[in-house]
Amino acid sequence: MWSEEAVAHFLGKSTDTLKRWRREGGGPAFVRIGRTPQYRVQDMMVWMLRNRIEHHDLSAPIID
């Protein structure tokens, strides 16, 4: 389990951003242990994969 602070640091976001995501229904899945949100490593990886954007360089030559 990762703490809110650890997830914020890992993602380069603030804890306020994570709070907003939770309030608005976005961001990675989390569980509450008491009043404290905790993040499972597996849920972080799933969230990151679902939000992955692959860019293709259209100016690169096509190699057959």
N, C-alpha and C. Protein backbone atom coordinates (compact mmCIF):
# COMPACT_ATOMS: atom_id res chain seq x y z
N MET A 1 0.85 -1.19 0.00
CA MET A 1 0.00 0.00 0.00
C MET A 1 0.88 1.24 0.00
N TRP A 2 0.44 2.23 -0.75
CA TRP A 2 1.15 3.50 -0.79
C TRP A 2 0.30 4.56 -0.11
N SER A 3 0.95 5.44 0.60
CA SER A 3 0.25 6.56 1.24
C SER A 3 -0.06 7.62 0.18
N GLU A 4 -0.94 8.51 0.54
CA GLU A 4 -1.28 9.63 -0.34
C GLU A 4 -0.02 10.43 -0.69
N GLU A 5 0.83 10.65 0.28
CA GLU A 5 2.06 11.42 0.06
C GLU A 5 3.00 10.68 -0.91
N ALA A 6 3.10 9.36 -0.76
CA ALA A 6 3.98 8.59 -1.64
C ALA A 6 3.46 8.61 -3.07
N VAL A 7 2.15 8.49 -3.26
CA VAL A 7 1.56 8.53 -4.60
C VAL A 7 1.75 9.91 -5.22
N ALA A 8 1.51 10.94 -4.45
CA ALA A 8 1.69 12.31 -4.95
C ALA A 8 3.13 12.51 -5.41
N HIS A 9 4.07 12.07 -4.62
CA HIS A 9 5.49 12.20 -4.97
C HIS A 9 5.80 11.41 -6.24
N PHE A 10 5.33 10.18 -6.32
CA PHE A 10 5.58 9.31 -7.47
C PHE A 10 5.03 9.93 -8.75
N LEU A 11 3.83 10.51 -8.68
CA LEU A 11 3.20 11.09 -9.87
C LEU A 11 3.64 12.52 -10.15
N GLY A 12 4.35 13.12 -9.21
CA GLY A 12 4.75 14.52 -9.37
C GLY A 12 3.58 15.47 -9.22
N LYS A 13 2.61 15.08 -8.41
CA LYS A 13 1.42 15.89 -8.17
C LYS A 13 1.36 16.24 -6.69
N SER A 14 0.47 17.13 -6.37
CA SER A 14 0.29 17.49 -4.95
C SER A 14 -0.77 16.59 -4.32
N THR A 15 -0.75 16.54 -3.00
CA THR A 15 -1.80 15.79 -2.31
C THR A 15 -3.16 16.45 -2.54
N ASP A 16 -3.18 17.77 -2.76
CA ASP A 16 -4.43 18.45 -3.07
C ASP A 16 -5.01 17.96 -4.40
N THR A 17 -4.13 17.68 -5.37
CA THR A 17 -4.60 17.13 -6.65
C THR A 17 -5.23 15.76 -6.43
N LEU A 18 -4.60 14.91 -5.64
CA LEU A 18 -5.16 13.59 -5.35
C LEU A 18 -6.51 13.72 -4.64
N LYS A 19 -6.62 14.66 -3.72
CA LYS A 19 -7.89 14.88 -3.02
C LYS A 19 -8.97 15.30 -4.01
N ARG A 20 -8.61 16.19 -4.94
CA ARG A 20 -9.58 16.64 -5.94
C ARG A 20 -10.00 15.48 -6.83
N TRP A 21 -9.04 14.66 -7.27
CA TRP A 21 -9.36 13.50 -8.09
C TRP A 21 -10.32 12.57 -7.36
N ARG A 22 -10.08 12.32 -6.08
CA ARG A 22 -10.96 11.44 -5.32
C ARG A 22 -12.36 12.04 -5.22
N ARG A 23 -12.43 13.32 -4.98
CA ARG A 23 -13.71 14.01 -4.85
C ARG A 23 -14.49 13.98 -6.16
N GLU A 24 -13.78 14.11 -7.29
CA GLU A 24 -14.41 14.17 -8.61
C GLU A 24 -14.54 12.80 -9.27
N GLY A 25 -14.04 11.76 -8.61
CA GLY A 25 -14.16 10.42 -9.16
C GLY A 25 -13.09 10.05 -10.17
N GLY A 26 -11.99 10.76 -10.18
CA GLY A 26 -10.89 10.46 -11.10
C GLY A 26 -9.69 9.93 -10.34
N GLY A 27 -8.60 9.77 -11.06
CA GLY A 27 -7.38 9.30 -10.44
C GLY A 27 -7.40 7.80 -10.18
N PRO A 28 -6.33 7.30 -9.61
CA PRO A 28 -6.24 5.87 -9.35
C PRO A 28 -7.21 5.42 -8.25
N ALA A 29 -7.59 4.15 -8.32
CA ALA A 29 -8.46 3.57 -7.28
C ALA A 29 -7.73 3.64 -5.94
N PHE A 30 -8.51 3.73 -4.88
CA PHE A 30 -7.93 3.80 -3.54
C PHE A 30 -8.85 3.11 -2.56
N VAL A 31 -8.34 2.83 -1.40
CA VAL A 31 -9.15 2.30 -0.30
C VAL A 31 -8.96 3.21 0.89
N ARG A 32 -9.97 3.27 1.71
CA ARG A 32 -9.85 4.05 2.95
C ARG A 32 -9.62 3.09 4.09
N ILE A 33 -8.60 3.38 4.85
CA ILE A 33 -8.35 2.66 6.09
C ILE A 33 -8.61 3.69 7.18
N GLY A 34 -9.78 3.58 7.78
CA GLY A 34 -10.24 4.65 8.66
C GLY A 34 -10.58 5.84 7.78
N ARG A 35 -9.95 6.95 8.05
CA ARG A 35 -10.16 8.15 7.23
C ARG A 35 -9.01 8.38 6.25
N THR A 36 -8.03 7.47 6.26
CA THR A 36 -6.82 7.66 5.48
C THR A 36 -6.90 6.92 4.15
N PRO A 37 -6.77 7.65 3.03
CA PRO A 37 -6.75 6.96 1.74
C PRO A 37 -5.42 6.23 1.54
N GLN A 38 -5.49 5.03 1.02
CA GLN A 38 -4.30 4.24 0.71
C GLN A 38 -4.45 3.73 -0.72
N TYR A 39 -3.34 3.56 -1.39
CA TYR A 39 -3.34 3.15 -2.79
C TYR A 39 -2.57 1.84 -2.94
N ARG A 40 -3.21 0.86 -3.59
CA ARG A 40 -2.52 -0.40 -3.86
C ARG A 40 -1.62 -0.20 -5.07
N VAL A 41 -0.43 -0.77 -5.03
CA VAL A 41 0.51 -0.65 -6.13
C VAL A 41 -0.13 -1.15 -7.43
N GLN A 42 -0.85 -2.27 -7.37
CA GLN A 42 -1.49 -2.83 -8.56
C GLN A 42 -2.48 -1.84 -9.17
N ASP A 43 -3.25 -1.14 -8.34
CA ASP A 43 -4.21 -0.17 -8.84
C ASP A 43 -3.52 1.02 -9.50
N MET A 44 -2.37 1.42 -8.95
CA MET A 44 -1.60 2.50 -9.56
C MET A 44 -1.14 2.10 -10.96
N MET A 45 -0.65 0.86 -11.11
CA MET A 45 -0.17 0.40 -12.40
C MET A 45 -1.31 0.31 -13.42
N VAL A 46 -2.47 -0.19 -12.99
CA VAL A 46 -3.63 -0.27 -13.88
C VAL A 46 -4.04 1.13 -14.33
N TRP A 47 -4.11 2.06 -13.42
CA TRP A 47 -4.49 3.43 -13.74
C TRP A 47 -3.51 4.05 -14.73
N MET A 48 -2.22 3.82 -14.50
CA MET A 48 -1.21 4.38 -15.40
C MET A 48 -1.34 3.77 -16.79
N LEU A 49 -1.58 2.47 -16.89
CA LEU A 49 -1.74 1.83 -18.20
C LEU A 49 -2.99 2.34 -18.92
N ARG A 50 -4.06 2.53 -18.18
CA ARG A 50 -5.30 3.03 -18.79
C ARG A 50 -5.16 4.47 -19.28
N ASN A 51 -4.25 5.22 -18.70
CA ASN A 51 -4.07 6.62 -19.07
C ASN A 51 -2.86 6.83 -19.96
N ARG A 52 -2.30 5.75 -20.45
CA ARG A 52 -1.12 5.82 -21.32
C ARG A 52 -1.53 6.36 -22.68
N ILE A 53 -0.76 7.29 -23.17
CA ILE A 53 -0.97 7.86 -24.49
C ILE A 53 0.28 7.59 -25.30
N GLU A 54 0.08 6.94 -26.42
CA GLU A 54 1.22 6.62 -27.29
C GLU A 54 1.20 7.59 -28.46
N HIS A 55 2.28 8.32 -28.61
CA HIS A 55 2.40 9.28 -29.70
C HIS A 55 3.17 8.65 -30.85
N HIS A 56 2.70 8.90 -32.03
CA HIS A 56 3.38 8.41 -33.23
C HIS A 56 3.93 9.61 -33.97
N ASP A 57 5.18 9.52 -34.34
CA ASP A 57 5.81 10.59 -35.09
C ASP A 57 5.45 10.41 -36.56
N LEU A 58 4.51 11.22 -37.04
CA LEU A 58 4.04 11.08 -38.42
C LEU A 58 5.05 11.59 -39.43
N SER A 59 6.06 12.32 -38.99
CA SER A 59 7.06 12.83 -39.94
C SER A 59 8.19 11.85 -40.15
N ALA A 60 8.24 10.78 -39.35
CA ALA A 60 9.30 9.79 -39.50
C ALA A 60 9.07 8.95 -40.75
N PRO A 61 10.14 8.59 -41.44
CA PRO A 61 9.98 7.78 -42.64
C PRO A 61 9.46 6.36 -42.27
N ILE A 62 8.64 5.83 -43.16
CA ILE A 62 8.11 4.49 -42.96
C ILE A 62 9.11 3.50 -43.51
N ILE A 63 9.49 2.54 -42.69
CA ILE A 63 10.48 1.54 -43.11
C ILE A 63 9.75 0.22 -43.31
N ASP A 64 9.87 -0.33 -44.53
CA ASP A 64 9.21 -1.60 -44.84
C ASP A 64 10.12 -2.75 -44.51
